[in-house]
Amino acid sequence: MKSLRVTRALAAAGITAAAMITPIVTATPASALGYRGCLDYVRDHGYLVGPKVKAACNQKAIRLPLGWAANPLCIDGLVQIGVKWDVAQPACERAH
Protein backbone atom coordinates (compact mmCIF):
# COMPACT_ATOMS: atom_id res chain seq x y z
CA MET A 1 0.00 0.00 0.00
CA LYS A 2 2.80 2.39 0.92
CA SER A 3 4.59 1.54 -2.33
CA LEU A 4 1.49 2.55 -4.31
CA ARG A 5 1.40 5.93 -2.52
CA VAL A 6 5.07 6.51 -3.25
CA THR A 7 4.54 5.58 -6.90
CA ARG A 8 1.60 7.98 -7.21
CA ALA A 9 3.53 10.78 -5.49
CA LEU A 10 6.48 10.27 -7.83
CA ALA A 11 4.15 10.23 -10.84
CA ALA A 12 2.53 13.50 -9.74
CA ALA A 13 5.97 15.06 -9.19
CA GLY A 14 7.06 13.90 -12.65
CA ILE A 15 3.97 15.34 -14.28
CA THR A 16 4.50 18.65 -12.49
CA ALA A 17 8.15 18.77 -13.52
CA ALA A 18 7.30 17.96 -17.13
CA ALA A 19 4.63 20.65 -17.15
CA MET A 20 7.12 23.25 -15.92
CA ILE A 21 9.90 22.18 -18.29
CA THR A 22 7.77 21.83 -21.41
CA PRO A 23 5.49 24.85 -21.78
CA ILE A 24 2.35 24.48 -23.79
CA VAL A 25 2.80 26.43 -26.98
CA THR A 26 -0.34 25.47 -28.83
CA ALA A 27 -3.37 27.60 -28.11
CA THR A 28 -6.74 26.03 -27.43
CA PRO A 29 -9.81 27.67 -28.95
CA ALA A 30 -11.54 29.95 -26.45
CA SER A 31 -14.75 27.94 -26.70
CA ALA A 32 -12.99 24.85 -25.33
CA LEU A 33 -11.41 26.51 -22.30
CA GLY A 34 -12.40 26.15 -18.69
CA TYR A 35 -14.17 23.68 -16.52
CA ARG A 36 -16.69 22.94 -19.27
CA GLY A 37 -13.86 22.36 -21.76
CA CYS A 38 -12.43 19.65 -19.52
CA LEU A 39 -15.82 17.97 -19.10
CA ASP A 40 -16.56 18.15 -22.83
CA TYR A 41 -13.15 16.71 -23.74
CA VAL A 42 -13.66 13.72 -21.44
CA ARG A 43 -17.22 13.20 -22.72
CA ASP A 44 -16.11 13.53 -26.36
CA HIS A 45 -13.69 10.65 -25.80
CA GLY A 46 -16.44 8.27 -24.76
CA TYR A 47 -16.41 8.58 -20.97
CA LEU A 48 -19.44 9.25 -18.82
CA VAL A 49 -19.28 12.53 -16.92
CA GLY A 50 -20.39 12.18 -13.33
CA PRO A 51 -19.43 13.66 -9.96
CA LYS A 52 -15.87 12.28 -9.97
CA VAL A 53 -15.08 13.69 -13.43
CA LYS A 54 -16.58 17.02 -12.37
CA ALA A 55 -14.48 17.05 -9.19
CA ALA A 56 -11.30 16.32 -11.16
CA CYS A 57 -12.05 18.95 -13.82
CA ASN A 58 -12.64 21.47 -11.02
CA GLN A 59 -8.87 21.39 -10.35
CA LYS A 60 -7.71 24.44 -12.30
CA ALA A 61 -4.91 24.19 -14.86
CA ILE A 62 -1.58 25.84 -14.01
CA ARG A 63 -0.75 29.10 -15.80
CA LEU A 64 2.71 29.14 -17.40
CA PRO A 65 4.40 31.97 -19.30
CA LEU A 66 3.56 30.40 -22.68
CA GLY A 67 0.28 28.65 -21.95
CA TRP A 68 -1.42 26.27 -19.55
CA ALA A 69 -0.29 23.02 -17.91
CA ALA A 70 -2.58 20.32 -16.61
CA ASN A 71 -2.97 20.21 -12.84
CA PRO A 72 -1.58 16.89 -11.54
CA LEU A 73 -4.55 16.62 -9.16
CA CYS A 74 -6.93 16.79 -12.12
CA ILE A 75 -5.00 14.16 -14.07
CA ASP A 76 -4.72 11.86 -11.05
CA GLY A 77 -8.43 12.22 -10.31
CA LEU A 78 -9.38 11.24 -13.85
CA VAL A 79 -6.86 8.40 -14.15
CA GLN A 80 -8.01 6.90 -10.83
CA ILE A 81 -11.53 6.50 -12.22
CA GLY A 82 -10.36 4.85 -15.43
CA VAL A 83 -9.78 7.72 -17.87
CA LYS A 84 -6.68 7.03 -19.96
CA TRP A 85 -3.75 9.37 -19.28
CA ASP A 86 -3.62 10.52 -22.91
CA VAL A 87 -7.22 11.76 -22.52
CA ALA A 88 -6.87 13.07 -18.95
CA GLN A 89 -3.82 15.24 -19.63
CA PRO A 90 -5.29 17.36 -22.46
CA ALA A 91 -8.67 17.49 -20.72
CA CYS A 92 -7.03 18.92 -17.62
CA GLU A 93 -5.10 21.50 -19.67
CA ARG A 94 -8.51 22.91 -20.63
CA ALA A 95 -9.61 23.26 -17.00
CA HIS A 96 -8.83 26.95 -16.52
PDB file of N, CA and C in Angstrom:
ATOM      1  N   MET A   1       0.820  -1.183   0.000  1.00  0.00           N
ATOM      2  CA  MET A   1       0.000   0.000   0.000  1.00  0.00           C
ATOM      3  C   MET A   1       0.871   1.256   0.000  1.00  0.00           C
ATOM      4  N   LYS A   2       1.921   1.240   0.843  1.00  0.00           N
ATOM      5  CA  LYS A   2       2.801   2.394   0.917  1.00  0.00           C
ATOM      6  C   LYS A   2       3.551   2.585  -0.399  1.00  0.00           C
ATOM      7  N   SER A   3       3.909   1.475  -1.040  1.00  0.00           N
ATOM      8  CA  SER A   3       4.592   1.537  -2.329  1.00  0.00           C
ATOM      9  C   SER A   3       3.720   2.210  -3.383  1.00  0.00           C
ATOM     10  N   LEU A   4       2.417   1.937  -3.358  1.00  0.00           N
ATOM     11  CA  LEU A   4       1.491   2.555  -4.306  1.00  0.00           C
ATOM     12  C   LEU A   4       1.420   4.058  -4.081  1.00  0.00           C
ATOM     13  N   ARG A   5       1.411   4.483  -2.833  1.00  0.00           N
ATOM     14  CA  ARG A   5       1.401   5.927  -2.524  1.00  0.00           C
ATOM     15  C   ARG A   5       2.664   6.597  -3.007  1.00  0.00           C
ATOM     16  N   VAL A   6       3.799   5.950  -2.796  1.00  0.00           N
ATOM     17  CA  VAL A   6       5.074   6.505  -3.246  1.00  0.00           C
ATOM     18  C   VAL A   6       5.084   6.607  -4.770  1.00  0.00           C
ATOM     19  N   THR A   7       4.600   5.580  -5.440  1.00  0.00           N
ATOM     20  CA  THR A   7       4.539   5.578  -6.897  1.00  0.00           C
ATOM     21  C   THR A   7       3.668   6.712  -7.402  1.00  0.00           C
ATOM     22  N   ARG A   8       2.503   6.903  -6.789  1.00  0.00           N
ATOM     23  CA  ARG A   8       1.600   7.981  -7.207  1.00  0.00           C
ATOM     24  C   ARG A   8       2.222   9.350  -6.947  1.00  0.00           C
ATOM     25  N   ALA A   9       2.894   9.497  -5.808  1.00  0.00           N
ATOM     26  CA  ALA A   9       3.532  10.776  -5.486  1.00  0.00           C
ATOM     27  C   ALA A   9       4.637  11.082  -6.493  1.00  0.00           C
ATOM     28  N   LEU A  10       5.415  10.075  -6.841  1.00  0.00           N
ATOM     29  CA  LEU A  10       6.476  10.271  -7.830  1.00  0.00           C
ATOM     30  C   LEU A  10       5.898  10.587  -9.207  1.00  0.00           C
ATOM     31  N   ALA A  11       4.797   9.945  -9.561  1.00  0.00           N
ATOM     32  CA  ALA A  11       4.148  10.228 -10.842  1.00  0.00           C
ATOM     33  C   ALA A  11       3.645  11.665 -10.878  1.00  0.00           C
ATOM     34  N   ALA A  12       3.023  12.114  -9.798  1.00  0.00           N
ATOM     35  CA  ALA A  12       2.526  13.498  -9.736  1.00  0.00           C
ATOM     36  C   ALA A  12       3.686  14.482  -9.817  1.00  0.00           C
ATOM     37  N   ALA A  13       4.791  14.187  -9.138  1.00  0.00           N
ATOM     38  CA  ALA A  13       5.965  15.063  -9.193  1.00  0.00           C
ATOM     39  C   ALA A  13       6.540  15.095 -10.605  1.00  0.00           C
ATOM     40  N   GLY A  14       6.559  13.959 -11.270  1.00  0.00           N
ATOM     41  CA  GLY A  14       7.063  13.903 -12.648  1.00  0.00           C
ATOM     42  C   GLY A  14       6.199  14.693 -13.602  1.00  0.00           C
ATOM     43  N   ILE A  15       4.890  14.589 -13.425  1.00  0.00           N
ATOM     44  CA  ILE A  15       3.973  15.340 -14.277  1.00  0.00           C
ATOM     45  C   ILE A  15       4.164  16.835 -14.068  1.00  0.00           C
ATOM     46  N   THR A  16       4.293  17.231 -12.793  1.00  0.00           N
ATOM     47  CA  THR A  16       4.497  18.646 -12.489  1.00  0.00           C
ATOM     48  C   THR A  16       5.802  19.143 -13.097  1.00  0.00           C
ATOM     49  N   ALA A  17       6.858  18.369 -12.960  1.00  0.00           N
ATOM     50  CA  ALA A  17       8.150  18.768 -13.522  1.00  0.00           C
ATOM     51  C   ALA A  17       8.073  18.880 -15.044  1.00  0.00           C
ATOM     52  N   ALA A  18       7.433  17.918 -15.674  1.00  0.00           N
ATOM     53  CA  ALA A  18       7.301  17.959 -17.134  1.00  0.00           C
ATOM     54  C   ALA A  18       6.491  19.176 -17.571  1.00  0.00           C
ATOM     55  N   ALA A  19       5.463  19.497 -16.803  1.00  0.00           N
ATOM     56  CA  ALA A  19       4.635  20.653 -17.146  1.00  0.00           C
ATOM     57  C   ALA A  19       5.417  21.946 -17.032  1.00  0.00           C
ATOM     58  N   MET A  20       6.338  22.028 -16.100  1.00  0.00           N
ATOM     59  CA  MET A  20       7.119  23.247 -15.924  1.00  0.00           C
ATOM     60  C   MET A  20       8.259  23.338 -16.934  1.00  0.00           C
ATOM     61  N   ILE A  21       8.775  22.185 -17.348  1.00  0.00           N
ATOM     62  CA  ILE A  21       9.899  22.181 -18.290  1.00  0.00           C
ATOM     63  C   ILE A  21       9.410  22.364 -19.722  1.00  0.00           C
ATOM     64  N   THR A  22       8.293  21.789 -20.043  1.00  0.00           N
ATOM     65  CA  THR A  22       7.771  21.828 -21.409  1.00  0.00           C
ATOM     66  C   THR A  22       6.521  22.694 -21.465  1.00  0.00           C
ATOM     67  N   PRO A  23       6.676  23.991 -21.727  1.00  0.00           N
ATOM     68  CA  PRO A  23       5.492  24.850 -21.782  1.00  0.00           C
ATOM     69  C   PRO A  23       4.579  24.487 -22.947  1.00  0.00           C
ATOM     70  N   ILE A  24       3.337  24.747 -22.752  1.00  0.00           N
ATOM     71  CA  ILE A  24       2.349  24.477 -23.792  1.00  0.00           C
ATOM     72  C   ILE A  24       2.343  25.642 -24.758  1.00  0.00           C
ATOM     73  N   VAL A  25       2.678  25.356 -26.001  1.00  0.00           N
ATOM     74  CA  VAL A  25       2.796  26.434 -26.979  1.00  0.00           C
ATOM     75  C   VAL A  25       1.645  26.466 -27.968  1.00  0.00           C
ATOM     76  N   THR A  26       0.810  25.460 -27.931  1.00  0.00           N
ATOM     77  CA  THR A  26      -0.342  25.475 -28.829  1.00  0.00           C
ATOM     78  C   THR A  26      -1.533  26.058 -28.103  1.00  0.00           C
ATOM     79  N   ALA A  27      -2.208  26.960 -28.724  1.00  0.00           N
ATOM     80  CA  ALA A  27      -3.369  27.598 -28.111  1.00  0.00           C
ATOM     81  C   ALA A  27      -4.605  26.733 -28.326  1.00  0.00           C
ATOM     82  N   THR A  28      -5.470  26.734 -27.340  1.00  0.00           N
ATOM     83  CA  THR A  28      -6.739  26.027 -27.427  1.00  0.00           C
ATOM     84  C   THR A  28      -7.814  27.045 -27.767  1.00  0.00           C
ATOM     85  N   PRO A  29      -8.748  26.720 -28.640  1.00  0.00           N
ATOM     86  CA  PRO A  29      -9.806  27.673 -28.951  1.00  0.00           C
ATOM     87  C   PRO A  29     -10.537  28.124 -27.689  1.00  0.00           C
ATOM     88  N   ALA A  30     -10.909  29.387 -27.634  1.00  0.00           N
ATOM     89  CA  ALA A  30     -11.538  29.946 -26.446  1.00  0.00           C
ATOM     90  C   ALA A  30     -12.801  29.184 -26.054  1.00  0.00           C
ATOM     91  N   SER A  31     -13.514  28.648 -27.007  1.00  0.00           N
ATOM     92  CA  SER A  31     -14.754  27.943 -26.698  1.00  0.00           C
ATOM     93  C   SER A  31     -14.509  26.640 -25.945  1.00  0.00           C
ATOM     94  N   ALA A  32     -13.287  26.122 -25.979  1.00  0.00           N
ATOM     95  CA  ALA A  32     -12.991  24.848 -25.328  1.00  0.00           C
ATOM     96  C   ALA A  32     -12.261  25.037 -24.003  1.00  0.00           C
ATOM     97  N   LEU A  33     -12.158  26.263 -23.526  1.00  0.00           N
ATOM     98  CA  LEU A  33     -11.407  26.506 -22.302  1.00  0.00           C
ATOM     99  C   LEU A  33     -12.303  26.404 -21.078  1.00  0.00           C
ATOM    100  N   GLY A  34     -11.690  26.136 -19.958  1.00  0.00           N
ATOM    101  CA  GLY A  34     -12.395  26.154 -18.694  1.00  0.00           C
ATOM    102  C   GLY A  34     -12.897  24.796 -18.251  1.00  0.00           C
ATOM    103  N   TYR A  35     -13.590  24.858 -17.145  1.00  0.00           N
ATOM    104  CA  TYR A  35     -14.167  23.675 -16.524  1.00  0.00           C
ATOM    105  C   TYR A  35     -14.997  22.885 -17.534  1.00  0.00           C
ATOM    106  N   ARG A  36     -15.831  23.574 -18.270  1.00  0.00           N
ATOM    107  CA  ARG A  36     -16.689  22.936 -19.268  1.00  0.00           C
ATOM    108  C   ARG A  36     -15.844  22.291 -20.374  1.00  0.00           C
ATOM    109  N   GLY A  37     -14.738  22.928 -20.753  1.00  0.00           N
ATOM    110  CA  GLY A  37     -13.859  22.356 -21.765  1.00  0.00           C
ATOM    111  C   GLY A  37     -13.291  21.016 -21.337  1.00  0.00           C
ATOM    112  N   CYS A  38     -12.943  20.911 -20.070  1.00  0.00           N
ATOM    113  CA  CYS A  38     -12.432  19.653 -19.522  1.00  0.00           C
ATOM    114  C   CYS A  38     -13.515  18.575 -19.575  1.00  0.00           C
ATOM    115  N   LEU A  39     -14.707  18.932 -19.096  1.00  0.00           N
ATOM    116  CA  LEU A  39     -15.818  17.972 -19.099  1.00  0.00           C
ATOM    117  C   LEU A  39     -16.146  17.514 -20.521  1.00  0.00           C
ATOM    118  N   ASP A  40     -16.228  18.469 -21.441  1.00  0.00           N
ATOM    119  CA  ASP A  40     -16.562  18.145 -22.829  1.00  0.00           C
ATOM    120  C   ASP A  40     -15.505  17.240 -23.462  1.00  0.00           C
ATOM    121  N   TYR A  41     -14.232  17.511 -23.168  1.00  0.00           N
ATOM    122  CA  TYR A  41     -13.153  16.710 -23.740  1.00  0.00           C
ATOM    123  C   TYR A  41     -13.267  15.260 -23.278  1.00  0.00           C
ATOM    124  N   VAL A  42     -13.509  15.079 -21.984  1.00  0.00           N
ATOM    125  CA  VAL A  42     -13.657  13.720 -21.439  1.00  0.00           C
ATOM    126  C   VAL A  42     -14.871  13.038 -22.076  1.00  0.00           C
ATOM    127  N   ARG A  43     -15.989  13.749 -22.133  1.00  0.00           N
ATOM    128  CA  ARG A  43     -17.220  13.204 -22.722  1.00  0.00           C
ATOM    129  C   ARG A  43     -17.010  12.860 -24.197  1.00  0.00           C
ATOM    130  N   ASP A  44     -16.347  13.750 -24.929  1.00  0.00           N
ATOM    131  CA  ASP A  44     -16.111  13.530 -26.358  1.00  0.00           C
ATOM    132  C   ASP A  44     -15.238  12.308 -26.641  1.00  0.00           C
ATOM    133  N   HIS A  45     -14.525  11.840 -25.627  1.00  0.00           N
ATOM    134  CA  HIS A  45     -13.689  10.648 -25.796  1.00  0.00           C
ATOM    135  C   HIS A  45     -14.355   9.393 -25.247  1.00  0.00           C
ATOM    136  N   GLY A  46     -15.673   9.461 -25.069  1.00  0.00           N
ATOM    137  CA  GLY A  46     -16.436   8.272 -24.760  1.00  0.00           C
ATOM    138  C   GLY A  46     -16.642   7.948 -23.295  1.00  0.00           C
ATOM    139  N   TYR A  47     -16.243   8.834 -22.404  1.00  0.00           N
ATOM    140  CA  TYR A  47     -16.411   8.579 -20.973  1.00  0.00           C
ATOM    141  C   TYR A  47     -17.676   9.255 -20.464  1.00  0.00           C
ATOM    142  N   LEU A  48     -18.299   8.634 -19.475  1.00  0.00           N
ATOM    143  CA  LEU A  48     -19.444   9.247 -18.816  1.00  0.00           C
ATOM    144  C   LEU A  48     -18.948  10.329 -17.866  1.00  0.00           C
ATOM    145  N   VAL A  49     -19.658  11.433 -17.804  1.00  0.00           N
ATOM    146  CA  VAL A  49     -19.276  12.531 -16.924  1.00  0.00           C
ATOM    147  C   VAL A  49     -20.210  12.528 -15.721  1.00  0.00           C
ATOM    148  N   GLY A  50     -19.639  12.201 -14.582  1.00  0.00           N
ATOM    149  CA  GLY A  50     -20.386  12.183 -13.332  1.00  0.00           C
ATOM    150  C   GLY A  50     -19.671  13.025 -12.292  1.00  0.00           C
ATOM    151  N   PRO A  51     -19.999  12.841 -11.030  1.00  0.00           N
ATOM    152  CA  PRO A  51     -19.427  13.665  -9.965  1.00  0.00           C
ATOM    153  C   PRO A  51     -17.897  13.582  -9.850  1.00  0.00           C
ATOM    154  N   LYS A  52     -17.327  12.412 -10.098  1.00  0.00           N
ATOM    155  CA  LYS A  52     -15.870  12.276  -9.968  1.00  0.00           C
ATOM    156  C   LYS A  52     -15.139  12.994 -11.101  1.00  0.00           C
ATOM    157  N   VAL A  53     -15.675  12.944 -12.310  1.00  0.00           N
ATOM    158  CA  VAL A  53     -15.078  13.691 -13.428  1.00  0.00           C
ATOM    159  C   VAL A  53     -15.217  15.184 -13.157  1.00  0.00           C
ATOM    160  N   LYS A  54     -16.365  15.602 -12.672  1.00  0.00           N
ATOM    161  CA  LYS A  54     -16.583  17.022 -12.365  1.00  0.00           C
ATOM    162  C   LYS A  54     -15.627  17.500 -11.284  1.00  0.00           C
ATOM    163  N   ALA A  55     -15.408  16.683 -10.265  1.00  0.00           N
ATOM    164  CA  ALA A  55     -14.476  17.054  -9.191  1.00  0.00           C
ATOM    165  C   ALA A  55     -13.050  17.182  -9.726  1.00  0.00           C
ATOM    166  N   ALA A  56     -12.642  16.260 -10.590  1.00  0.00           N
ATOM    167  CA  ALA A  56     -11.298  16.321 -11.158  1.00  0.00           C
ATOM    168  C   ALA A  56     -11.141  17.554 -12.046  1.00  0.00           C
ATOM    169  N   CYS A  57     -12.120  17.803 -12.905  1.00  0.00           N
ATOM    170  CA  CYS A  57     -12.053  18.953 -13.816  1.00  0.00           C
ATOM    171  C   CYS A  57     -12.142  20.282 -13.075  1.00  0.00           C
ATOM    172  N   ASN A  58     -12.572  20.252 -11.834  1.00  0.00           N
ATOM    173  CA  ASN A  58     -12.640  21.466 -11.020  1.00  0.00           C
ATOM    174  C   ASN A  58     -11.259  21.892 -10.521  1.00  0.00           C
ATOM    175  N   GLN A  59     -10.249  21.045 -10.709  1.00  0.00           N
ATOM    176  CA  GLN A  59      -8.871  21.393 -10.347  1.00  0.00           C
ATOM    177  C   GLN A  59      -8.285  22.232 -11.483  1.00  0.00           C
ATOM    178  N   LYS A  60      -8.125  23.508 -11.249  1.00  0.00           N
ATOM    179  CA  LYS A  60      -7.710  24.441 -12.295  1.00  0.00           C
ATOM    180  C   LYS A  60      -6.341  24.107 -12.873  1.00  0.00           C
ATOM    181  N   ALA A  61      -6.195  24.351 -14.182  1.00  0.00           N
ATOM    182  CA  ALA A  61      -4.907  24.185 -14.857  1.00  0.00           C
ATOM    183  C   ALA A  61      -3.924  25.224 -14.314  1.00  0.00           C
ATOM    184  N   ILE A  62      -2.649  24.974 -14.518  1.00  0.00           N
ATOM    185  CA  ILE A  62      -1.582  25.837 -14.013  1.00  0.00           C
ATOM    186  C   ILE A  62      -1.139  26.787 -15.121  1.00  0.00           C
ATOM    187  N   ARG A  63      -1.144  28.075 -14.822  1.00  0.00           N
ATOM    188  CA  ARG A  63      -0.749  29.104 -15.801  1.00  0.00           C
ATOM    189  C   ARG A  63       0.770  29.144 -15.902  1.00  0.00           C
ATOM    190  N   LEU A  64       1.280  29.028 -17.114  1.00  0.00           N
ATOM    191  CA  LEU A  64       2.707  29.137 -17.401  1.00  0.00           C
ATOM    192  C   LEU A  64       2.920  30.340 -18.318  1.00  0.00           C
ATOM    193  N   PRO A  65       4.159  30.804 -18.450  1.00  0.00           N
ATOM    194  CA  PRO A  65       4.403  31.972 -19.301  1.00  0.00           C
ATOM    195  C   PRO A  65       3.906  31.808 -20.745  1.00  0.00           C
ATOM    196  N   LEU A  66       3.941  30.598 -21.274  1.00  0.00           N
ATOM    197  CA  LEU A  66       3.558  30.398 -22.681  1.00  0.00           C
ATOM    198  C   LEU A  66       2.279  29.585 -22.849  1.00  0.00           C
ATOM    199  N   GLY A  67       1.516  29.420 -21.804  1.00  0.00           N
ATOM    200  CA  GLY A  67       0.280  28.646 -21.948  1.00  0.00           C
ATOM    201  C   GLY A  67      -0.177  28.055 -20.632  1.00  0.00           C
ATOM    202  N   TRP A  68      -0.845  26.930 -20.699  1.00  0.00           N
ATOM    203  CA  TRP A  68      -1.417  26.265 -19.545  1.00  0.00           C
ATOM    204  C   TRP A  68      -0.882  24.848 -19.425  1.00  0.00           C
ATOM    205  N   ALA A  69      -0.704  24.395 -18.190  1.00  0.00           N
ATOM    206  CA  ALA A  69      -0.288  23.021 -17.912  1.00  0.00           C
ATOM    207  C   ALA A  69      -1.377  22.346 -17.094  1.00  0.00           C
ATOM    208  N   ALA A  70      -1.571  21.088 -17.340  1.00  0.00           N
ATOM    209  CA  ALA A  70      -2.576  20.321 -16.609  1.00  0.00           C
ATOM    210  C   ALA A  70      -2.199  20.221 -15.136  1.00  0.00           C
ATOM    211  N   ASN A  71      -3.174  20.375 -14.269  1.00  0.00           N
ATOM    212  CA  ASN A  71      -2.974  20.215 -12.836  1.00  0.00           C
ATOM    213  C   ASN A  71      -2.839  18.721 -12.535  1.00  0.00           C
ATOM    214  N   PRO A  72      -1.754  18.312 -11.862  1.00  0.00           N
ATOM    215  CA  PRO A  72      -1.581  16.893 -11.545  1.00  0.00           C
ATOM    216  C   PRO A  72      -2.749  16.302 -10.743  1.00  0.00           C
ATOM    217  N   LEU A  73      -3.405  17.113  -9.921  1.00  0.00           N
ATOM    218  CA  LEU A  73      -4.552  16.622  -9.160  1.00  0.00           C
ATOM    219  C   LEU A  73      -5.723  16.286 -10.077  1.00  0.00           C
ATOM    220  N   CYS A  74      -5.887  17.061 -11.123  1.00  0.00           N
ATOM    221  CA  CYS A  74      -6.926  16.791 -12.117  1.00  0.00           C
ATOM    222  C   CYS A  74      -6.621  15.484 -12.848  1.00  0.00           C
ATOM    223  N   ILE A  75      -5.398  15.372 -13.334  1.00  0.00           N
ATOM    224  CA  ILE A  75      -5.001  14.160 -14.066  1.00  0.00           C
ATOM    225  C   ILE A  75      -5.161  12.926 -13.183  1.00  0.00           C
ATOM    226  N   ASP A  76      -4.650  13.004 -11.956  1.00  0.00           N
ATOM    227  CA  ASP A  76      -4.723  11.861 -11.047  1.00  0.00           C
ATOM    228  C   ASP A  76      -6.174  11.485 -10.762  1.00  0.00           C
ATOM    229  N   GLY A  77      -7.024  12.491 -10.566  1.00  0.00           N
ATOM    230  CA  GLY A  77      -8.434  12.223 -10.314  1.00  0.00           C
ATOM    231  C   GLY A  77      -9.105  11.485 -11.461  1.00  0.00           C
ATOM    232  N   LEU A  78      -8.788  11.895 -12.691  1.00  0.00           N
ATOM    233  CA  LEU A  78      -9.376  11.238 -13.853  1.00  0.00           C
ATOM    234  C   LEU A  78      -8.811   9.835 -14.060  1.00  0.00           C
ATOM    235  N   VAL A  79      -7.503   9.705 -13.926  1.00  0.00           N
ATOM    236  CA  VAL A  79      -6.859   8.401 -14.147  1.00  0.00           C
ATOM    237  C   VAL A  79      -7.343   7.380 -13.110  1.00  0.00           C
ATOM    238  N   GLN A  80      -7.549   7.818 -11.874  1.00  0.00           N
ATOM    239  CA  GLN A  80      -8.008   6.898 -10.827  1.00  0.00           C
ATOM    240  C   GLN A  80      -9.400   6.337 -11.111  1.00  0.00           C
ATOM    241  N   ILE A  81     -10.191   7.028 -11.909  1.00  0.00           N
ATOM    242  CA  ILE A  81     -11.531   6.502 -12.220  1.00  0.00           C
ATOM    243  C   ILE A  81     -11.586   5.833 -13.592  1.00  0.00           C
ATOM    244  N   GLY A  82     -10.417   5.646 -14.214  1.00  0.00           N
ATOM    245  CA  GLY A  82     -10.362   4.854 -15.432  1.00  0.00           C
ATOM    246  C   GLY A  82     -10.201   5.619 -16.731  1.00  0.00           C
ATOM    247  N   VAL A  83     -10.031   6.937 -16.650  1.00  0.00           N
ATOM    248  CA  VAL A  83      -9.782   7.717 -17.869  1.00  0.00           C
ATOM    249  C   VAL A  83      -8.319   7.525 -18.249  1.00  0.00           C
ATOM    250  N   LYS A  84      -8.060   7.223 -19.507  1.00  0.00           N
ATOM    251  CA  LYS A  84      -6.680   7.029 -19.956  1.00  0.00           C
ATOM    252  C   LYS A  84      -5.897   8.330 -19.810  1.00  0.00           C
ATOM    253  N   TRP A  85      -4.597   8.194 -19.498  1.00  0.00           N
ATOM    254  CA  TRP A  85      -3.747   9.367 -19.275  1.00  0.00           C
ATOM    255  C   TRP A  85      -3.736  10.274 -20.498  1.00  0.00           C
ATOM    256  N   ASP A  86      -3.696   9.695 -21.703  1.00  0.00           N
ATOM    257  CA  ASP A  86      -3.625  10.522 -22.908  1.00  0.00           C
ATOM    258  C   ASP A  86      -4.927  11.269 -23.193  1.00  0.00           C
ATOM    259  N   VAL A  87      -5.976  10.973 -22.469  1.00  0.00           N
ATOM    260  CA  VAL A  87      -7.218  11.759 -22.516  1.00  0.00           C
ATOM    261  C   VAL A  87      -7.247  12.725 -21.326  1.00  0.00           C
ATOM    262  N   ALA A  88      -6.832  12.252 -20.162  1.00  0.00           N
ATOM    263  CA  ALA A  88      -6.872  13.066 -18.948  1.00  0.00           C
ATOM    264  C   ALA A  88      -5.971  14.299 -19.051  1.00  0.00           C
ATOM    265  N   GLN A  89      -4.774  14.132 -19.579  1.00  0.00           N
ATOM    266  CA  GLN A  89      -3.817  15.239 -19.631  1.00  0.00           C
ATOM    267  C   GLN A  89      -4.342  16.407 -20.465  1.00  0.00           C
ATOM    268  N   PRO A  90      -4.759  16.219 -21.709  1.00  0.00           N
ATOM    269  CA  PRO A  90      -5.289  17.359 -22.463  1.00  0.00           C
ATOM    270  C   PRO A  90      -6.607  17.891 -21.911  1.00  0.00           C
ATOM    271  N   ALA A  91      -7.419  17.018 -21.332  1.00  0.00           N
ATOM    272  CA  ALA A  91      -8.666  17.490 -20.719  1.00  0.00           C
ATOM    273  C   ALA A  91      -8.346  18.447 -19.586  1.00  0.00           C
ATOM    274  N   CYS A  92      -7.383  18.093 -18.769  1.00  0.00           N
ATOM    275  CA  CYS A  92      -7.030  18.922 -17.617  1.00  0.00           C
ATOM    276  C   CYS A  92      -6.321  20.217 -18.026  1.00  0.00           C
ATOM    277  N   GLU A  93      -5.679  20.240 -19.165  1.00  0.00           N
ATOM    278  CA  GLU A  93      -5.099  21.497 -19.671  1.00  0.00           C
ATOM    279  C   GLU A  93      -6.205  22.510 -19.952  1.00  0.00           C
ATOM    280  N   ARG A  94      -7.373  22.034 -20.294  1.00  0.00           N
ATOM    281  CA  ARG A  94      -8.506  22.906 -20.629  1.00  0.00           C
ATOM    282  C   ARG A  94      -9.222  23.432 -19.391  1.00  0.00           C
ATOM    283  N   ALA A  95      -8.902  22.920 -18.235  1.00  0.00           N
ATOM    284  CA  ALA A  95      -9.614  23.261 -17.001  1.00  0.00           C
ATOM    285  C   ALA A  95      -9.089  24.560 -16.374  1.00  0.00           C
ATOM    286  N   HIS A  96      -9.216  25.642 -17.088  1.00  0.00           N
ATOM    287  CA  HIS A  96      -8.827  26.949 -16.521  1.00  0.00           C
ATOM    288  C   HIS A  96      -9.838  28.000 -16.826  1.00  0.00           C
TER     289      HIS A  96
END
